[in-house]
Amino acid sequence: MRVVLQRVSHARVSVGGQTISEIGRGYVILLGIGPNDGEEQARFLVEKIATLRVFEDEQGKMNLSILDVGGQAIVVSQFTLYADTRRGRRPSFTDAAPPALARPLVDRFAAMLAQLGIPTQTGEFGAHMLVEIANDGPVTILLETESL
């Protein structure tokens, strides 16, 4: 499982010109699912993301979590995080999980974040989305799990 985590001041996801998700302060989570990923990997990353201290405290130090600041999240399925560009000019996506595995795991991941008290919205799985991100900082963090 691979995540590109971006701390945002606000973000929006649109499909076909219609806004489907919008948040203020929080995270945009671009989530890639691999073929061997499951509940264990999702739970590990959700707990890491919920407690990661990348929001500033009163002294301007990254010392607060999304839970501490009452932030929100948007989870966007991103199979292109599994692009293999080692050969040629056109990426291969054979390392990404098939939609039948990925879709329910993306939904489960978002539900786990919400269960921890983070208001969570999602993109639209498989759709062509416009993701508008006001990256705050900028703070962008890569997280990855292999089979745990």
N, C-alpha and C. Protein backbone atom coordinates (compact mmCIF):
# COMPACT_ATOMS: atom_id res chain seq x y z
N MET A 1 0.86 -1.17 0.00
CA MET A 1 0.00 0.00 0.00
C MET A 1 0.90 1.22 0.00
N ARG A 2 0.55 2.19 -0.82
CA ARG A 2 1.33 3.42 -0.93
C ARG A 2 0.43 4.63 -0.75
N VAL A 3 0.97 5.62 -0.02
CA VAL A 3 0.22 6.84 0.25
C VAL A 3 1.11 8.05 -0.04
N VAL A 4 0.54 9.01 -0.74
CA VAL A 4 1.11 10.35 -0.80
C VAL A 4 0.18 11.20 0.05
N LEU A 5 0.72 11.67 1.17
CA LEU A 5 -0.06 12.44 2.14
C LEU A 5 0.31 13.91 1.98
N GLN A 6 -0.69 14.75 1.74
CA GLN A 6 -0.45 16.18 1.60
C GLN A 6 -1.26 16.94 2.63
N ARG A 7 -0.54 17.74 3.42
CA ARG A 7 -1.23 18.61 4.37
C ARG A 7 -1.79 19.78 3.58
N VAL A 8 -3.07 20.07 3.77
CA VAL A 8 -3.72 21.10 2.96
C VAL A 8 -4.43 22.13 3.84
N SER A 9 -4.54 23.34 3.29
CA SER A 9 -5.38 24.35 3.93
C SER A 9 -6.82 24.17 3.46
N HIS A 10 -6.97 23.67 2.23
CA HIS A 10 -8.28 23.27 1.71
C HIS A 10 -8.05 22.44 0.45
N ALA A 11 -9.07 21.65 0.10
CA ALA A 11 -8.98 20.79 -1.08
C ALA A 11 -10.38 20.48 -1.57
N ARG A 12 -10.43 20.13 -2.87
CA ARG A 12 -11.72 19.80 -3.48
C ARG A 12 -11.50 18.74 -4.55
N VAL A 13 -12.48 17.84 -4.70
CA VAL A 13 -12.47 16.84 -5.76
C VAL A 13 -13.74 17.03 -6.58
N SER A 14 -13.55 17.13 -7.91
CA SER A 14 -14.69 17.29 -8.82
C SER A 14 -14.67 16.19 -9.86
N VAL A 15 -15.87 15.78 -10.26
CA VAL A 15 -16.04 14.81 -11.35
C VAL A 15 -17.07 15.41 -12.30
N GLY A 16 -16.70 15.54 -13.56
CA GLY A 16 -17.62 16.10 -14.54
C GLY A 16 -18.11 17.49 -14.21
N GLY A 17 -17.25 18.29 -13.59
CA GLY A 17 -17.61 19.66 -13.25
C GLY A 17 -18.40 19.81 -11.97
N GLN A 18 -18.71 18.70 -11.29
CA GLN A 18 -19.47 18.73 -10.04
C GLN A 18 -18.55 18.41 -8.87
N THR A 19 -18.58 19.24 -7.83
CA THR A 19 -17.80 18.98 -6.62
C THR A 19 -18.41 17.79 -5.88
N ILE A 20 -17.57 16.79 -5.61
CA ILE A 20 -18.07 15.62 -4.87
C ILE A 20 -17.49 15.54 -3.46
N SER A 21 -16.36 16.21 -3.21
CA SER A 21 -15.74 16.26 -1.89
C SER A 21 -15.06 17.60 -1.73
N GLU A 22 -15.11 18.12 -0.50
CA GLU A 22 -14.44 19.39 -0.22
C GLU A 22 -14.15 19.47 1.26
N ILE A 23 -12.92 19.88 1.59
CA ILE A 23 -12.53 20.00 2.99
C ILE A 23 -11.77 21.30 3.21
N GLY A 24 -11.65 21.66 4.48
CA GLY A 24 -10.77 22.74 4.91
C GLY A 24 -9.44 22.11 5.32
N ARG A 25 -8.93 22.54 6.45
CA ARG A 25 -7.64 22.09 6.96
C ARG A 25 -7.62 20.58 7.17
N GLY A 26 -6.56 19.94 6.69
CA GLY A 26 -6.45 18.50 6.89
C GLY A 26 -5.49 17.86 5.91
N TYR A 27 -5.89 16.69 5.41
CA TYR A 27 -5.05 15.91 4.50
C TYR A 27 -5.80 15.54 3.24
N VAL A 28 -5.08 15.56 2.13
CA VAL A 28 -5.48 14.81 0.95
C VAL A 28 -4.59 13.58 0.94
N ILE A 29 -5.23 12.43 0.87
CA ILE A 29 -4.52 11.15 0.92
C ILE A 29 -4.71 10.46 -0.42
N LEU A 30 -3.63 10.43 -1.21
CA LEU A 30 -3.63 9.70 -2.47
C LEU A 30 -3.21 8.28 -2.13
N LEU A 31 -4.10 7.32 -2.37
CA LEU A 31 -3.94 5.95 -1.88
C LEU A 31 -3.83 4.96 -3.02
N GLY A 32 -2.69 4.27 -3.06
CA GLY A 32 -2.48 3.20 -4.04
C GLY A 32 -2.54 1.85 -3.35
N ILE A 33 -3.25 0.92 -3.95
CA ILE A 33 -3.42 -0.42 -3.39
C ILE A 33 -2.66 -1.42 -4.26
N GLY A 34 -1.85 -2.24 -3.61
CA GLY A 34 -1.13 -3.30 -4.30
C GLY A 34 -1.90 -4.61 -4.22
N PRO A 35 -1.53 -5.59 -5.03
CA PRO A 35 -2.29 -6.84 -5.10
C PRO A 35 -2.25 -7.69 -3.83
N ASN A 36 -1.28 -7.46 -2.96
CA ASN A 36 -1.18 -8.24 -1.72
C ASN A 36 -1.62 -7.45 -0.50
N ASP A 37 -2.21 -6.28 -0.70
CA ASP A 37 -2.63 -5.45 0.42
C ASP A 37 -3.97 -5.92 0.98
N GLY A 38 -4.15 -5.64 2.26
CA GLY A 38 -5.39 -6.03 2.92
C GLY A 38 -5.64 -5.15 4.13
N GLU A 39 -6.51 -5.63 4.99
CA GLU A 39 -6.95 -4.90 6.18
C GLU A 39 -5.78 -4.53 7.08
N GLU A 40 -4.82 -5.41 7.23
CA GLU A 40 -3.68 -5.15 8.12
C GLU A 40 -2.86 -3.94 7.66
N GLN A 41 -2.57 -3.88 6.38
CA GLN A 41 -1.82 -2.75 5.84
C GLN A 41 -2.62 -1.45 5.97
N ALA A 42 -3.91 -1.54 5.69
CA ALA A 42 -4.78 -0.37 5.80
C ALA A 42 -4.80 0.15 7.23
N ARG A 43 -4.99 -0.74 8.18
CA ARG A 43 -5.06 -0.33 9.59
C ARG A 43 -3.76 0.33 10.03
N PHE A 44 -2.62 -0.26 9.64
CA PHE A 44 -1.32 0.30 10.00
C PHE A 44 -1.19 1.74 9.49
N LEU A 45 -1.51 1.96 8.22
CA LEU A 45 -1.36 3.30 7.64
C LEU A 45 -2.37 4.29 8.21
N VAL A 46 -3.59 3.85 8.44
CA VAL A 46 -4.61 4.73 9.03
C VAL A 46 -4.15 5.21 10.40
N GLU A 47 -3.66 4.31 11.22
CA GLU A 47 -3.20 4.70 12.56
C GLU A 47 -1.99 5.62 12.48
N LYS A 48 -1.08 5.35 11.55
CA LYS A 48 0.09 6.21 11.36
C LYS A 48 -0.36 7.61 10.93
N ILE A 49 -1.25 7.68 9.96
CA ILE A 49 -1.72 8.97 9.44
C ILE A 49 -2.46 9.76 10.52
N ALA A 50 -3.28 9.10 11.30
CA ALA A 50 -4.07 9.78 12.33
C ALA A 50 -3.20 10.39 13.42
N THR A 51 -2.05 9.78 13.68
CA THR A 51 -1.21 10.23 14.79
C THR A 51 0.07 10.93 14.34
N LEU A 52 0.29 11.04 13.05
CA LEU A 52 1.48 11.72 12.52
C LEU A 52 1.43 13.19 12.90
N ARG A 53 2.49 13.69 13.49
CA ARG A 53 2.50 15.07 13.99
C ARG A 53 3.15 16.00 12.97
N VAL A 54 2.33 16.53 12.07
CA VAL A 54 2.84 17.43 11.04
C VAL A 54 2.10 18.77 10.98
N PHE A 55 1.29 19.05 11.99
CA PHE A 55 0.64 20.35 12.09
C PHE A 55 1.36 21.15 13.18
N GLU A 56 1.46 22.47 12.97
CA GLU A 56 2.22 23.31 13.89
C GLU A 56 1.49 23.56 15.20
N ASP A 57 2.28 23.61 16.28
CA ASP A 57 1.76 24.02 17.58
C ASP A 57 1.93 25.54 17.72
N GLU A 58 1.72 26.07 18.92
CA GLU A 58 1.81 27.51 19.15
C GLU A 58 3.20 28.07 18.87
N GLN A 59 4.23 27.24 18.97
CA GLN A 59 5.61 27.67 18.71
C GLN A 59 6.02 27.48 17.26
N GLY A 60 5.10 27.04 16.41
CA GLY A 60 5.41 26.85 15.01
C GLY A 60 6.14 25.55 14.70
N LYS A 61 6.20 24.63 15.65
CA LYS A 61 6.85 23.34 15.43
C LYS A 61 5.82 22.30 15.03
N MET A 62 6.20 21.42 14.11
CA MET A 62 5.30 20.32 13.73
C MET A 62 5.20 19.37 14.91
N ASN A 63 4.13 19.51 15.67
CA ASN A 63 4.00 18.77 16.91
C ASN A 63 2.58 18.27 17.14
N LEU A 64 1.65 18.57 16.21
CA LEU A 64 0.25 18.20 16.41
C LEU A 64 -0.21 17.27 15.29
N SER A 65 -1.13 16.38 15.63
CA SER A 65 -1.70 15.45 14.64
C SER A 65 -2.98 16.04 14.07
N ILE A 66 -3.50 15.39 13.05
CA ILE A 66 -4.77 15.80 12.46
C ILE A 66 -5.90 15.70 13.49
N LEU A 67 -5.79 14.74 14.40
CA LEU A 67 -6.78 14.62 15.47
C LEU A 67 -6.69 15.82 16.41
N ASP A 68 -5.46 16.25 16.72
CA ASP A 68 -5.26 17.38 17.63
C ASP A 68 -5.85 18.67 17.08
N VAL A 69 -5.79 18.86 15.76
CA VAL A 69 -6.25 20.12 15.16
C VAL A 69 -7.67 20.04 14.62
N GLY A 70 -8.31 18.88 14.77
CA GLY A 70 -9.68 18.72 14.27
C GLY A 70 -9.77 18.79 12.75
N GLY A 71 -8.74 18.25 12.09
CA GLY A 71 -8.69 18.29 10.63
C GLY A 71 -9.59 17.28 9.96
N GLN A 72 -9.70 17.43 8.65
CA GLN A 72 -10.53 16.56 7.81
C GLN A 72 -9.63 15.87 6.79
N ALA A 73 -10.20 14.89 6.09
CA ALA A 73 -9.42 14.17 5.09
C ALA A 73 -10.26 13.87 3.85
N ILE A 74 -9.57 13.83 2.72
CA ILE A 74 -10.13 13.29 1.49
C ILE A 74 -9.22 12.16 1.05
N VAL A 75 -9.80 10.99 0.82
CA VAL A 75 -9.06 9.82 0.33
C VAL A 75 -9.38 9.66 -1.16
N VAL A 76 -8.32 9.65 -1.97
CA VAL A 76 -8.47 9.53 -3.42
C VAL A 76 -7.71 8.29 -3.88
N SER A 77 -8.40 7.35 -4.48
CA SER A 77 -7.76 6.16 -5.03
C SER A 77 -6.81 6.59 -6.14
N GLN A 78 -5.58 6.04 -6.11
CA GLN A 78 -4.54 6.50 -7.02
C GLN A 78 -3.69 5.31 -7.49
N PHE A 79 -4.23 4.53 -8.43
CA PHE A 79 -3.51 3.34 -8.90
C PHE A 79 -2.18 3.71 -9.56
N THR A 80 -2.04 4.96 -10.02
CA THR A 80 -0.80 5.36 -10.68
C THR A 80 0.38 5.41 -9.73
N LEU A 81 0.15 5.31 -8.42
CA LEU A 81 1.26 5.22 -7.47
C LEU A 81 2.03 3.91 -7.66
N TYR A 82 1.44 2.97 -8.38
CA TYR A 82 2.12 1.70 -8.67
C TYR A 82 2.66 1.66 -10.10
N ALA A 83 2.88 2.81 -10.70
CA ALA A 83 3.44 2.87 -12.06
C ALA A 83 4.85 2.28 -12.08
N ASP A 84 5.11 1.44 -13.05
CA ASP A 84 6.45 0.90 -13.28
C ASP A 84 6.99 1.60 -14.52
N THR A 85 8.02 2.42 -14.33
CA THR A 85 8.58 3.21 -15.42
C THR A 85 10.00 2.78 -15.78
N ARG A 86 10.37 1.58 -15.35
CA ARG A 86 11.75 1.12 -15.59
C ARG A 86 12.07 0.91 -17.06
N ARG A 87 11.08 0.56 -17.86
CA ARG A 87 11.33 0.31 -19.28
C ARG A 87 10.43 1.20 -20.13
N GLY A 88 10.98 1.61 -21.25
CA GLY A 88 10.19 2.35 -22.22
C GLY A 88 9.74 3.71 -21.74
N ARG A 89 8.75 4.24 -22.42
CA ARG A 89 8.24 5.58 -22.14
C ARG A 89 6.81 5.55 -21.58
N ARG A 90 6.15 4.42 -21.69
CA ARG A 90 4.78 4.32 -21.21
C ARG A 90 4.76 3.50 -19.92
N PRO A 91 4.24 4.06 -18.82
CA PRO A 91 4.22 3.32 -17.56
C PRO A 91 3.34 2.08 -17.64
N SER A 92 3.74 1.08 -16.89
CA SER A 92 2.93 -0.13 -16.72
C SER A 92 2.28 -0.05 -15.33
N PHE A 93 1.05 -0.50 -15.25
CA PHE A 93 0.34 -0.46 -13.97
C PHE A 93 -0.02 -1.87 -13.49
N THR A 94 0.72 -2.86 -13.95
CA THR A 94 0.41 -4.25 -13.59
C THR A 94 0.66 -4.54 -12.11
N ASP A 95 1.42 -3.68 -11.42
CA ASP A 95 1.68 -3.89 -10.00
C ASP A 95 0.56 -3.36 -9.11
N ALA A 96 -0.40 -2.65 -9.69
CA ALA A 96 -1.54 -2.14 -8.92
C ALA A 96 -2.57 -3.25 -8.75
N ALA A 97 -3.30 -3.21 -7.64
CA ALA A 97 -4.35 -4.20 -7.39
C ALA A 97 -5.48 -4.02 -8.40
N PRO A 98 -6.13 -5.12 -8.78
CA PRO A 98 -7.30 -5.00 -9.66
C PRO A 98 -8.44 -4.28 -8.93
N PRO A 99 -9.32 -3.63 -9.68
CA PRO A 99 -10.41 -2.87 -9.06
C PRO A 99 -11.25 -3.69 -8.06
N ALA A 100 -11.46 -4.95 -8.32
CA ALA A 100 -12.28 -5.76 -7.41
C ALA A 100 -11.67 -5.86 -6.02
N LEU A 101 -10.35 -5.78 -5.91
CA LEU A 101 -9.66 -5.78 -4.62
C LEU A 101 -9.51 -4.35 -4.10
N ALA A 102 -9.14 -3.44 -4.99
CA ALA A 102 -8.80 -2.08 -4.56
C ALA A 102 -10.01 -1.29 -4.07
N ARG A 103 -11.12 -1.35 -4.78
CA ARG A 103 -12.29 -0.52 -4.43
C ARG A 103 -12.76 -0.76 -2.98
N PRO A 104 -13.00 -2.00 -2.57
CA PRO A 104 -13.46 -2.17 -1.18
C PRO A 104 -12.40 -1.79 -0.14
N LEU A 105 -11.12 -1.93 -0.49
CA LEU A 105 -10.07 -1.58 0.46
C LEU A 105 -9.93 -0.06 0.59
N VAL A 106 -10.12 0.67 -0.49
CA VAL A 106 -10.13 2.14 -0.41
C VAL A 106 -11.30 2.58 0.46
N ASP A 107 -12.47 2.00 0.26
CA ASP A 107 -13.64 2.34 1.08
C ASP A 107 -13.40 2.01 2.55
N ARG A 108 -12.79 0.87 2.80
CA ARG A 108 -12.51 0.44 4.18
C ARG A 108 -11.51 1.39 4.83
N PHE A 109 -10.48 1.78 4.08
CA PHE A 109 -9.47 2.72 4.57
C PHE A 109 -10.13 4.03 5.01
N ALA A 110 -11.00 4.57 4.17
CA ALA A 110 -11.70 5.82 4.49
C ALA A 110 -12.60 5.63 5.72
N ALA A 111 -13.26 4.50 5.81
CA ALA A 111 -14.13 4.23 6.96
C ALA A 111 -13.32 4.13 8.25
N MET A 112 -12.14 3.55 8.18
CA MET A 112 -11.29 3.44 9.38
C MET A 112 -10.84 4.82 9.86
N LEU A 113 -10.51 5.71 8.93
CA LEU A 113 -10.15 7.08 9.32
C LEU A 113 -11.33 7.75 10.03
N ALA A 114 -12.51 7.60 9.47
CA ALA A 114 -13.70 8.20 10.07
C ALA A 114 -13.97 7.62 11.46
N GLN A 115 -13.75 6.32 11.62
CA GLN A 115 -13.97 5.68 12.92
C GLN A 115 -13.01 6.23 13.99
N LEU A 116 -11.87 6.74 13.57
CA LEU A 116 -10.92 7.34 14.52
C LEU A 116 -11.27 8.79 14.84
N GLY A 117 -12.33 9.31 14.23
CA GLY A 117 -12.78 10.66 14.53
C GLY A 117 -12.33 11.72 13.54
N ILE A 118 -11.84 11.29 12.37
CA ILE A 118 -11.42 12.23 11.34
C ILE A 118 -12.53 12.30 10.29
N PRO A 119 -13.21 13.43 10.16
CA PRO A 119 -14.23 13.54 9.11
C PRO A 119 -13.58 13.26 7.75
N THR A 120 -14.09 12.25 7.06
CA THR A 120 -13.42 11.75 5.86
C THR A 120 -14.38 11.68 4.69
N GLN A 121 -13.92 12.21 3.55
CA GLN A 121 -14.65 12.12 2.30
C GLN A 121 -13.77 11.36 1.31
N THR A 122 -14.32 11.03 0.16
CA THR A 122 -13.56 10.28 -0.83
C THR A 122 -13.74 10.89 -2.21
N GLY A 123 -12.84 10.48 -3.10
CA GLY A 123 -13.04 10.75 -4.51
C GLY A 123 -14.02 9.72 -5.05
N GLU A 124 -14.08 9.60 -6.36
CA GLU A 124 -14.95 8.60 -6.99
C GLU A 124 -14.08 7.56 -7.66
N PHE A 125 -14.11 6.35 -7.15
CA PHE A 125 -13.25 5.28 -7.64
C PHE A 125 -13.43 5.09 -9.15
N GLY A 126 -12.33 5.08 -9.88
CA GLY A 126 -12.34 4.81 -11.31
C GLY A 126 -12.74 5.97 -12.19
N ALA A 127 -13.13 7.09 -11.58
CA ALA A 127 -13.55 8.25 -12.37
C ALA A 127 -12.36 9.14 -12.71
N HIS A 128 -12.53 9.94 -13.75
CA HIS A 128 -11.54 10.98 -14.05
C HIS A 128 -11.86 12.15 -13.13
N MET A 129 -10.97 12.44 -12.19
CA MET A 129 -11.22 13.45 -11.17
C MET A 129 -10.31 14.66 -11.35
N LEU A 130 -10.81 15.80 -10.99
CA LEU A 130 -10.00 17.00 -10.85
C LEU A 130 -9.79 17.17 -9.35
N VAL A 131 -8.54 17.05 -8.90
CA VAL A 131 -8.22 17.16 -7.48
C VAL A 131 -7.48 18.47 -7.27
N GLU A 132 -8.14 19.39 -6.59
CA GLU A 132 -7.54 20.70 -6.30
C GLU A 132 -7.00 20.66 -4.88
N ILE A 133 -5.69 20.88 -4.78
CA ILE A 133 -5.01 20.76 -3.49
C ILE A 133 -4.27 22.05 -3.19
N ALA A 134 -4.59 22.67 -2.06
CA ALA A 134 -3.83 23.82 -1.57
C ALA A 134 -2.87 23.27 -0.53
N ASN A 135 -1.72 22.78 -1.00
CA ASN A 135 -0.73 22.14 -0.13
C ASN A 135 -0.19 23.19 0.83
N ASP A 136 -0.32 22.92 2.11
CA ASP A 136 0.05 23.85 3.18
C ASP A 136 1.46 23.54 3.65
N GLY A 137 2.38 24.42 3.39
CA GLY A 137 3.76 24.24 3.84
C GLY A 137 4.78 24.52 2.76
N PRO A 138 4.93 23.75 1.74
CA PRO A 138 4.20 22.50 1.47
C PRO A 138 4.69 21.36 2.35
N VAL A 139 3.76 20.51 2.74
CA VAL A 139 4.09 19.29 3.47
C VAL A 139 3.53 18.14 2.65
N THR A 140 4.43 17.30 2.14
CA THR A 140 4.07 16.11 1.38
C THR A 140 4.91 14.96 1.90
N ILE A 141 4.25 13.87 2.31
CA ILE A 141 4.95 12.74 2.91
C ILE A 141 4.56 11.46 2.19
N LEU A 142 5.56 10.63 1.90
CA LEU A 142 5.33 9.32 1.29
C LEU A 142 5.31 8.27 2.39
N LEU A 143 4.29 7.43 2.36
CA LEU A 143 4.18 6.31 3.28
C LEU A 143 3.96 5.04 2.48
N GLU A 144 4.56 3.96 2.94
CA GLU A 144 4.41 2.70 2.20
C GLU A 144 4.49 1.53 3.17
N THR A 145 3.70 0.52 2.88
CA THR A 145 3.80 -0.72 3.64
C THR A 145 4.04 -1.84 2.63
N GLU A 146 4.73 -2.80 3.05
CA GLU A 146 4.81 -4.06 2.32
C GLU A 146 4.00 -5.04 3.16
N SER A 147 3.96 -6.28 2.79
CA SER A 147 3.20 -7.25 3.58
C SER A 147 3.71 -7.23 5.02
N LEU A 148 2.79 -7.01 5.95
CA LEU A 148 3.16 -6.94 7.37
C LEU A 148 3.12 -8.31 7.99
